[in-house]
C-alpha atoms as a PDB file:
ATOM      1  CA  UNK A   1     329.544  76.419 102.475  1.00  0.00           C
ATOM      2  CA  UNK A   2     328.360  75.945 106.187  1.00  0.00           C
ATOM      3  CA  UNK A   3     326.417  72.936 107.140  1.00  0.00           C
ATOM      4  CA  UNK A   4     325.116  72.180 110.750  1.00  0.00           C
ATOM      5  CA  UNK A   5     323.361  69.047 111.501  1.00  0.00           C
ATOM      6  CA  UNK A   6     321.775  67.678 114.600  1.00  0.00           C
ATOM      7  CA  UNK A   7     323.824  69.887 116.825  1.00  0.00           C
ATOM      8  CA  UNK A   8     323.554  69.555 120.658  1.00  0.00           C
ATOM      9  CA  UNK A   9     325.002  71.823 123.332  1.00  0.00           C
ATOM     10  CA  UNK A  10     324.594  71.812 127.083  1.00  0.00           C
ATOM     11  CA  UNK A  11     326.541  73.267 130.044  1.00  0.00           C
ATOM     12  CA  UNK A  12     327.316  71.244 133.205  1.00  0.00           C
ATOM     13  CA  UNK A  13     327.813  73.637 136.210  1.00  0.00           C
ATOM     14  CA  UNK A  14     329.883  71.636 138.580  1.00  0.00           C
ATOM     15  CA  UNK A  15     330.142  74.404 141.184  1.00  0.00           C
ATOM     16  CA  UNK A  16     326.432  74.877 141.237  1.00  0.00           C
ATOM     17  CA  UNK A  17     325.133  71.579 142.456  1.00  0.00           C
ATOM     18  CA  UNK A  18     326.199  69.823 139.166  1.00  0.00           C
ATOM     19  CA  UNK A  19     323.298  71.643 137.393  1.00  0.00           C
ATOM     20  CA  UNK A  20     322.807  70.519 133.798  1.00  0.00           C
ATOM     21  CA  UNK A  21     321.544  73.111 131.336  1.00  0.00           C
ATOM     22  CA  UNK A  22     320.468  72.158 127.913  1.00  0.00           C
ATOM     23  CA  UNK A  23     321.128  74.950 125.478  1.00  0.00           C
ATOM     24  CA  UNK A  24     320.406  73.487 121.960  1.00  0.00           C
ATOM     25  CA  UNK A  25     319.334  70.129 120.719  1.00  0.00           C
ATOM     26  CA  UNK A  26     318.981  69.052 117.114  1.00  0.00           C
ATOM     27  CA  UNK A  27     320.007  72.356 115.656  1.00  0.00           C
ATOM     28  CA  UNK A  28     320.097  72.515 111.851  1.00  0.00           C
ATOM     29  CA  UNK A  29     321.457  75.197 109.651  1.00  0.00           C
ATOM     30  CA  UNK A  30     322.762  75.385 106.057  1.00  0.00           C
ATOM     31  CA  UNK A  31     324.122  78.478 104.564  1.00  0.00           C
ATOM     32  CA  UNK A  32     325.166  78.777 100.937  1.00  0.00           C
ATOM     33  CA  UNK A  33     327.808  80.976  99.465  1.00  0.00           C
ATOM     34  CA  UNK A  34     326.314  84.491  98.744  1.00  0.00           C
ATOM     35  CA  UNK A  35     323.621  84.082 101.396  1.00  0.00           C
ATOM     36  CA  UNK A  36     323.155  85.776 104.756  1.00  0.00           C
ATOM     37  CA  UNK A  37     321.111  83.986 107.429  1.00  0.00           C
ATOM     38  CA  UNK A  38     319.992  85.904 110.471  1.00  0.00           C
ATOM     39  CA  UNK A  39     319.529  84.158 113.806  1.00  0.00           C
ATOM     40  CA  UNK A  40     316.574  85.363 115.845  1.00  0.00           C
ATOM     41  CA  UNK A  41     314.805  84.447 119.068  1.00  0.00           C
ATOM     42  CA  UNK A  42     314.433  85.700 122.652  1.00  0.00           C
ATOM     43  CA  UNK A  43     317.423  86.393 124.825  1.00  0.00           C
ATOM     44  CA  UNK A  44     318.955  83.237 126.257  1.00  0.00           C
ATOM     45  CA  UNK A  45     317.611  80.943 123.455  1.00  0.00           C
ATOM     46  CA  UNK A  46     321.127  80.030 122.300  1.00  0.00           C
ATOM     47  CA  UNK A  47     321.921  82.442 119.472  1.00  0.00           C
ATOM     48  CA  UNK A  48     325.310  83.506 120.830  1.00  0.00           C
ATOM     49  CA  UNK A  49     326.172  79.971 121.830  1.00  0.00           C
ATOM     50  CA  UNK A  50     325.502  78.750 118.302  1.00  0.00           C
ATOM     51  CA  UNK A  51     327.728  81.386 116.881  1.00  0.00           C
ATOM     52  CA  UNK A  52     330.511  80.407 119.297  1.00  0.00           C
ATOM     53  CA  UNK A  53     330.310  76.778 118.291  1.00  0.00           C
ATOM     54  CA  UNK A  54     330.493  77.673 114.666  1.00  0.00           C
ATOM     55  CA  UNK A  55     333.722  79.580 115.416  1.00  0.00           C
ATOM     56  CA  UNK A  56     335.067  76.901 117.678  1.00  0.00           C
ATOM     57  CA  UNK A  57     335.012  78.756 121.020  1.00  0.00           C
ATOM     58  CA  UNK A  58     332.419  76.306 122.452  1.00  0.00           C
ATOM     59  CA  UNK A  59     332.496  72.490 121.860  1.00  0.00           C
ATOM     60  CA  UNK A  60     329.248  70.941 120.951  1.00  0.00           C
ATOM     61  CA  UNK A  61     328.077  67.747 122.719  1.00  0.00           C
ATOM     62  CA  UNK A  62     327.013  66.165 119.475  1.00  0.00           C
ATOM     63  CA  UNK A  63     326.181  66.737 115.809  1.00  0.00           C
ATOM     64  CA  UNK A  64     328.325  68.278 113.099  1.00  0.00           C
ATOM     65  CA  UNK A  65     329.531  71.754 112.023  1.00  0.00           C
ATOM     66  CA  UNK A  66     331.007  71.346 108.563  1.00  0.00           C
ATOM     67  CA  UNK A  67     333.116  74.197 107.167  1.00  0.00           C
ATOM     68  CA  UNK A  68     335.373  73.693 104.145  1.00  0.00           C
ATOM     69  CA  UNK A  69     335.425  69.917 104.731  1.00  0.00           C
ATOM     70  CA  UNK A  70     336.387  70.270 108.524  1.00  0.00           C
ATOM     71  CA  UNK A  71     333.955  69.368 111.337  1.00  0.00           C
ATOM     72  CA  UNK A  72     334.300  71.995 113.974  1.00  0.00           C
ATOM     73  CA  UNK A  73     332.845  69.658 116.564  1.00  0.00           C
ATOM     74  CA  UNK A  74     335.732  67.129 116.298  1.00  0.00           C
ATOM     75  CA  UNK A  75     338.502  69.345 114.869  1.00  0.00           C
ATOM     76  CA  UNK A  76     341.701  69.755 116.691  1.00  0.00           C
ATOM     77  CA  UNK A  77     342.748  73.154 118.120  1.00  0.00           C
ATOM     78  CA  UNK A  78     345.285  73.351 115.287  1.00  0.00           C
ATOM     79  CA  UNK A  79     342.640  72.693 112.656  1.00  0.00           C
ATOM     80  CA  UNK A  80     340.425  75.335 114.167  1.00  0.00           C
ATOM     81  CA  UNK A  81     343.099  77.930 114.166  1.00  0.00           C
ATOM     82  CA  UNK A  82     343.935  77.261 110.635  1.00  0.00           C
ATOM     83  CA  UNK A  83     340.280  77.749 109.621  1.00  0.00           C
ATOM     84  CA  UNK A  84     340.138  80.990 111.534  1.00  0.00           C
ATOM     85  CA  UNK A  85     343.210  82.317 109.585  1.00  0.00           C
ATOM     86  CA  UNK A  86     341.881  81.619 106.163  1.00  0.00           C
ATOM     87  CA  UNK A  87     338.233  80.574 106.074  1.00  0.00           C
ATOM     88  CA  UNK A  88     336.028  81.790 108.966  1.00  0.00           C
ATOM     89  CA  UNK A  89     335.900  85.325 110.388  1.00  0.00           C
ATOM     90  CA  UNK A  90     334.032  86.701 113.335  1.00  0.00           C
ATOM     91  CA  UNK A  91     332.907  90.289 113.931  1.00  0.00           C
ATOM     92  CA  UNK A  92     332.092  90.233 117.650  1.00  0.00           C
ATOM     93  CA  UNK A  93     330.884  93.222 119.694  1.00  0.00           C
ATOM     94  CA  UNK A  94     334.287  93.707 121.383  1.00  0.00           C
ATOM     95  CA  UNK A  95     337.718  94.508 120.171  1.00  0.00           C
ATOM     96  CA  UNK A  96     340.354  92.231 121.611  1.00  0.00           C
ATOM     97  CA  UNK A  97     343.957  93.244 120.543  1.00  0.00           C
ATOM     98  CA  UNK A  98     347.273  93.693 122.135  1.00  0.00           C
ATOM     99  CA  UNK A  99     347.982  97.099 123.542  1.00  0.00           C
ATOM    100  CA  UNK A 100     350.309  99.620 121.695  1.00  0.00           C
ATOM    101  CA  UNK A 101     349.729  98.058 118.285  1.00  0.00           C
ATOM    102  CA  UNK A 102     348.790 100.806 115.855  1.00  0.00           C
ATOM    103  CA  UNK A 103     345.266 100.718 114.376  1.00  0.00           C
ATOM    104  CA  UNK A 104     346.423 100.302 110.790  1.00  0.00           C
ATOM    105  CA  UNK A 105     348.361  97.159 111.755  1.00  0.00           C
ATOM    106  CA  UNK A 106     345.515  95.852 113.852  1.00  0.00           C
ATOM    107  CA  UNK A 107     343.145  95.991 110.796  1.00  0.00           C
ATOM    108  CA  UNK A 108     345.701  94.755 108.368  1.00  0.00           C
ATOM    109  CA  UNK A 109     346.792  91.799 110.524  1.00  0.00           C
ATOM    110  CA  UNK A 110     344.143  89.168 109.589  1.00  0.00           C
ATOM    111  CA  UNK A 111     344.920  89.637 105.870  1.00  0.00           C
ATOM    112  CA  UNK A 112     348.703  89.129 106.496  1.00  0.00           C
ATOM    113  CA  UNK A 113     348.026  86.235 108.829  1.00  0.00           C
ATOM    114  CA  UNK A 114     346.052  84.554 106.009  1.00  0.00           C
ATOM    115  CA  UNK A 115     349.135  84.801 103.775  1.00  0.00           C
ATOM    116  CA  UNK A 116     348.401  88.019 102.119  1.00  0.00           C
ATOM    117  CA  UNK A 117     350.908  90.645 100.925  1.00  0.00           C
ATOM    118  CA  UNK A 118     351.724  93.303 103.429  1.00  0.00           C
ATOM    119  CA  UNK A 119     351.275  96.273 101.110  1.00  0.00           C
ATOM    120  CA  UNK A 120     347.835  94.937  99.917  1.00  0.00           C
ATOM    121  CA  UNK A 121     346.914  94.433 103.607  1.00  0.00           C
ATOM    122  CA  UNK A 122     347.772  97.994 104.404  1.00  0.00           C
ATOM    123  CA  UNK A 123     345.868  99.265 101.397  1.00  0.00           C
ATOM    124  CA  UNK A 124     342.849  97.258 102.309  1.00  0.00           C
ATOM    125  CA  UNK A 125     343.053  98.523 105.882  1.00  0.00           C
ATOM    126  CA  UNK A 126     343.314 102.163 104.834  1.00  0.00           C
ATOM    127  CA  UNK A 127     340.253 101.823 102.634  1.00  0.00           C
ATOM    128  CA  UNK A 128     338.152 100.246 105.322  1.00  0.00           C
ATOM    129  CA  UNK A 129     339.199 102.680 107.983  1.00  0.00           C
ATOM    130  CA  UNK A 130     338.371 105.554 105.666  1.00  0.00           C
ATOM    131  CA  UNK A 131     335.003 104.031 104.757  1.00  0.00           C
ATOM    132  CA  UNK A 132     334.192 103.693 108.458  1.00  0.00           C
ATOM    133  CA  UNK A 133     335.120 107.295 109.206  1.00  0.00           C
ATOM    134  CA  UNK A 134     338.077 106.707 111.422  1.00  0.00           C
ATOM    135  CA  UNK A 135     340.298 109.822 110.982  1.00  0.00           C
ATOM    136  CA  UNK A 136     343.718 109.137 109.480  1.00  0.00           C
ATOM    137  CA  UNK A 137     345.320 110.992 112.329  1.00  0.00           C
ATOM    138  CA  UNK A 138     344.283 108.086 114.642  1.00  0.00           C
ATOM    139  CA  UNK A 139     345.639 105.182 112.421  1.00  0.00           C
ATOM    140  CA  UNK A 140     349.053 105.226 114.108  1.00  0.00           C
ATOM    141  CA  UNK A 141     347.588 104.976 117.588  1.00  0.00           C
ATOM    142  CA  UNK A 142     346.395 101.950 119.415  1.00  0.00           C
ATOM    143  CA  UNK A 143     342.608 101.452 119.065  1.00  0.00           C
ATOM    144  CA  UNK A 144     342.462 100.629 122.757  1.00  0.00           C
ATOM    145  CA  UNK A 145     342.688 104.427 123.309  1.00  0.00           C
ATOM    146  CA  UNK A 146     339.595 105.117 121.226  1.00  0.00           C
ATOM    147  CA  UNK A 147     335.941 105.590 122.184  1.00  0.00           C
ATOM    148  CA  UNK A 148     333.683 102.517 122.249  1.00  0.00           C
ATOM    149  CA  UNK A 149     332.115 103.451 118.896  1.00  0.00           C
ATOM    150  CA  UNK A 150     335.581 103.915 117.225  1.00  0.00           C
ATOM    151  CA  UNK A 151     336.745 100.559 118.579  1.00  0.00           C
ATOM    152  CA  UNK A 152     333.588  98.897 117.226  1.00  0.00           C
ATOM    153  CA  UNK A 153     334.306 100.304 113.787  1.00  0.00           C
ATOM    154  CA  UNK A 154     337.989  99.206 113.939  1.00  0.00           C
ATOM    155  CA  UNK A 155     336.768  95.785 114.885  1.00  0.00           C
ATOM    156  CA  UNK A 156     334.398  95.765 111.854  1.00  0.00           C
ATOM    157  CA  UNK A 157     337.256  96.838 109.527  1.00  0.00           C
ATOM    158  CA  UNK A 158     339.398  94.043 110.942  1.00  0.00           C
ATOM    159  CA  UNK A 159     336.656  91.440 110.315  1.00  0.00           C
ATOM    160  CA  UNK A 160     336.175  92.478 106.585  1.00  0.00           C
ATOM    161  CA  UNK A 161     339.737  93.062 105.673  1.00  0.00           C
ATOM    162  CA  UNK A 162     340.332  89.418 104.558  1.00  0.00           C
ATOM    163  CA  UNK A 163     337.708  87.887 102.199  1.00  0.00           C
ATOM    164  CA  UNK A 164     336.648  85.063 104.515  1.00  0.00           C
ATOM    165  CA  UNK A 165     334.423  82.484 102.784  1.00  0.00           C
ATOM    166  CA  UNK A 166     332.429  82.227 106.055  1.00  0.00           C
ATOM    167  CA  UNK A 167     331.731  85.349 108.164  1.00  0.00           C
ATOM    168  CA  UNK A 168     329.929  85.536 111.570  1.00  0.00           C
ATOM    169  CA  UNK A 169     328.503  88.841 112.518  1.00  0.00           C
ATOM    170  CA  UNK A 170     327.374  89.545 116.165  1.00  0.00           C
ATOM    171  CA  UNK A 171     325.359  92.795 116.177  1.00  0.00           C
ATOM    172  CA  UNK A 172     327.705  94.552 113.845  1.00  0.00           C
ATOM    173  CA  UNK A 173     325.731  97.724 113.657  1.00  0.00           C
ATOM    174  CA  UNK A 174     324.963  98.126 117.387  1.00  0.00           C
ATOM    175  CA  UNK A 175     325.394 101.716 118.590  1.00  0.00           C
ATOM    176  CA  UNK A 176     326.530 102.980 115.105  1.00  0.00           C
ATOM    177  CA  UNK A 177     325.261 106.164 113.577  1.00  0.00           C
ATOM    178  CA  UNK A 178     323.349 106.162 110.449  1.00  0.00           C
ATOM    179  CA  UNK A 179     326.296 106.819 108.077  1.00  0.00           C
ATOM    180  CA  UNK A 180     328.492 104.057 109.564  1.00  0.00           C
ATOM    181  CA  UNK A 181     325.496 101.685 109.741  1.00  0.00           C
ATOM    182  CA  UNK A 182     325.107 102.322 105.989  1.00  0.00           C
ATOM    183  CA  UNK A 183     328.702 101.473 105.420  1.00  0.00           C
ATOM    184  CA  UNK A 184     328.371  98.175 107.214  1.00  0.00           C
ATOM    185  CA  UNK A 185     325.347  97.277 105.337  1.00  0.00           C
ATOM    186  CA  UNK A 186     327.276  97.905 102.103  1.00  0.00           C
ATOM    187  CA  UNK A 187     330.216  95.784 103.353  1.00  0.00           C
ATOM    188  CA  UNK A 188     327.818  92.865 104.044  1.00  0.00           C
ATOM    189  CA  UNK A 189     326.282  93.190 100.598  1.00  0.00           C
ATOM    190  CA  UNK A 190     329.749  93.235  99.051  1.00  0.00           C
ATOM    191  CA  UNK A 191     330.700  90.060 101.009  1.00  0.00           C
ATOM    192  CA  UNK A 192     327.587  88.356  99.696  1.00  0.00           C
ATOM    193  CA  UNK A 193     328.374  89.407  96.093  1.00  0.00           C
ATOM    194  CA  UNK A 194     331.791  87.859  96.340  1.00  0.00           C
ATOM    195  CA  UNK A 195     330.227  84.562  97.477  1.00  0.00           C
ATOM    196  CA  UNK A 196     330.659  84.592 101.311  1.00  0.00           C
ATOM    197  CA  UNK A 197     328.321  82.669 103.548  1.00  0.00           C
ATOM    198  CA  UNK A 198     327.272  84.981 106.435  1.00  0.00           C
ATOM    199  CA  UNK A 199     325.461  84.243 109.674  1.00  0.00           C
ATOM    200  CA  UNK A 200     324.438  87.186 111.838  1.00  0.00           C
ATOM    201  CA  UNK A 201     322.601  88.274 114.899  1.00  0.00           C
ATOM    202  CA  UNK A 202     320.838  91.588 114.065  1.00  0.00           C
ATOM    203  CA  UNK A 203     318.545  92.998 116.718  1.00  0.00           C
ATOM    204  CA  UNK A 204     317.884  95.984 114.486  1.00  0.00           C
ATOM    205  CA  UNK A 205     315.026  94.763 112.382  1.00  0.00           C
ATOM    206  CA  UNK A 206     315.807  97.263 109.609  1.00  0.00           C
ATOM    207  CA  UNK A 207     319.376  96.044 109.324  1.00  0.00           C
ATOM    208  CA  UNK A 208     318.140  92.359 109.354  1.00  0.00           C
ATOM    209  CA  UNK A 209     315.574  93.019 106.669  1.00  0.00           C
ATOM    210  CA  UNK A 210     318.117  94.818 104.546  1.00  0.00           C
ATOM    211  CA  UNK A 211     320.690  92.060 104.394  1.00  0.00           C
ATOM    212  CA  UNK A 212     319.191  88.669 105.511  1.00  0.00           C
ATOM    213  CA  UNK A 213     318.040  86.245 102.901  1.00  0.00           C
ATOM    214  CA  UNK A 214     316.517  83.907 105.464  1.00  0.00           C
ATOM    215  CA  UNK A 215     315.797  84.089 109.214  1.00  0.00           C
ATOM    216  CA  UNK A 216     316.142  81.231 111.488  1.00  0.00           C
ATOM    217  CA  UNK A 217     314.482  81.221 114.955  1.00  0.00           C
ATOM    218  CA  UNK A 218     316.967  79.517 117.257  1.00  0.00           C
ATOM    219  CA  UNK A 219     314.386  79.136 120.028  1.00  0.00           C
ATOM    220  CA  UNK A 220     312.883  76.080 118.107  1.00  0.00           C
ATOM    221  CA  UNK A 221     316.067  74.156 118.908  1.00  0.00           C
ATOM    222  CA  UNK A 222     316.169  75.511 122.479  1.00  0.00           C
ATOM    223  CA  UNK A 223     312.651  74.349 123.083  1.00  0.00           C
ATOM    224  CA  UNK A 224     313.451  70.924 121.642  1.00  0.00           C
ATOM    225  CA  UNK A 225     316.139  70.535 124.325  1.00  0.00           C
ATOM    226  CA  UNK A 226     314.027  71.487 127.377  1.00  0.00           C
END
């Protein structure tokens, strides 16, 4: 489902004496459908950079990231956007949406954008918002008016509304209370059961142990590049 081979990434800081920083070298990662792989390692070892390369936010210097027959390393912006609509989802730590858009529409939008029916999208959004304990009285309001924790839950609902075959999770349970953390864990289990390939960063060891089938220490690739 997701195959990464011999992946290299470095940053060239032109405004800082042309400093060259090697981030990853020779990274390898293969994730099958129905599997969740957790990325671990100390801060700065390249976990977030690897996630951003998988999603196409960062360009790798070499190697391959194969998703549904497309290499994200060489894909055009149009190909990357097409994969984001239908194939690869990303639950980040921050909600980035246009202001004044109602929460229900914000959550339903990825399903509609992937070609789904509007009524089904709204039904899915309602179910997820209810499961994540967002009061119905707030659904007609912009989530940008919500607390940080509420925004995080809206972002999670938005990430799970479409059944992406590949799903990236960046600290999805950070700052959540026990009830909502349990809901997110159940959503991850359900995604695995439908055959999704998941890659996540989980600093909470209990969460990682509960959902991860394998753990990859990314620092092994950072060390190779130093």
